[in-house]
Protein backbone atom coordinates (compact mmCIF):
# COMPACT_ATOMS: atom_id res chain seq x y z
CA SER A 1 -18.14 -28.63 41.19
CA THR A 2 -19.76 -31.58 40.02
CA GLU A 3 -22.85 -29.25 39.55
CA GLN A 4 -21.18 -26.91 37.51
CA THR A 5 -19.46 -29.73 35.27
CA ILE A 6 -22.96 -31.47 34.53
CA ALA A 7 -24.68 -28.18 34.19
CA LYS A 8 -21.71 -27.29 31.01
CA ASN A 9 -22.34 -30.60 30.00
CA LEU A 10 -25.98 -30.52 29.67
CA ARG A 11 -25.98 -26.88 28.15
CA GLU A 12 -22.98 -28.53 25.26
CA LEU A 13 -25.27 -31.46 24.47
CA ARG A 14 -28.65 -29.30 24.36
CA LYS A 15 -26.74 -27.10 21.73
CA SER A 16 -25.24 -30.14 19.98
CA LYS A 17 -28.84 -31.52 19.30
CA HIS A 18 -30.17 -27.81 18.42
CA MET A 19 -32.54 -28.05 20.84
CA THR A 20 -34.12 -25.19 22.84
CA GLN A 21 -34.27 -25.40 26.63
CA THR A 22 -37.98 -25.32 26.34
CA GLU A 23 -38.03 -28.65 23.95
CA VAL A 24 -35.68 -30.05 26.71
CA ALA A 25 -37.84 -28.98 29.78
CA GLN A 26 -40.99 -30.03 28.14
CA LYS A 27 -39.79 -33.85 27.25
CA ALA A 28 -38.39 -34.19 30.77
CA LYS A 29 -41.83 -32.76 31.95
CA ILE A 30 -40.50 -29.95 34.02
CA SER A 31 -40.81 -26.07 33.91
CA THR A 32 -38.28 -24.47 31.31
CA ASN A 33 -37.74 -21.98 34.29
CA HIS A 34 -36.10 -25.03 36.33
CA TYR A 35 -34.05 -26.86 33.41
CA ALA A 36 -32.65 -23.30 33.23
CA LYS A 37 -31.45 -23.03 36.48
CA ILE A 38 -30.12 -26.67 36.35
CA GLU A 39 -28.02 -25.80 33.14
CA ARG A 40 -27.02 -22.99 34.92
CA GLY A 41 -25.87 -24.69 37.74
CA GLU A 42 -27.94 -22.87 40.07
CA VAL A 43 -30.41 -25.88 41.45
CA ILE A 44 -29.33 -29.63 41.43
CA ALA A 45 -31.88 -31.85 39.74
CA THR A 46 -33.11 -35.03 41.57
CA ILE A 47 -31.92 -38.09 39.99
CA THR A 48 -35.11 -38.74 38.62
CA THR A 49 -35.41 -35.41 36.90
CA LEU A 50 -31.64 -35.59 35.54
CA GLU A 51 -32.43 -39.00 33.86
CA ARG A 52 -35.63 -37.50 32.23
CA ILE A 53 -33.26 -34.71 30.82
CA ILE A 54 -30.57 -36.72 29.68
CA LYS A 55 -33.29 -39.13 27.99
CA SER A 56 -35.00 -35.93 26.25
CA LEU A 57 -31.60 -35.38 25.17
CA GLY A 58 -31.36 -38.72 23.43
CA ALA A 59 -27.93 -39.34 25.51
CA LYS A 60 -26.39 -41.35 28.00
CA SER A 61 -25.62 -40.63 31.50
CA SER A 62 -22.29 -41.03 30.98
CA ASP A 63 -22.08 -38.12 28.27
CA VAL A 64 -23.66 -35.71 31.17
CA LEU A 65 -22.15 -37.13 34.55
CA PRO A 66 -18.49 -36.61 35.34
CA PHE A 67 -18.28 -39.70 37.45
């Protein structure tokens, strides 16, 4: 699914940047728990949240989104 692809891309990107889930969550102004659920594909992030997460990873949307 799209959610699972985004989740996998976020996880791989975060690990490649040597960041913890907490670091990403803090930069994106969301809770670590919420970020962890997004990264596991359990919840779908809003566009606004996804934008903040991608920016906090220093990435582009094309690095994460499968479309």
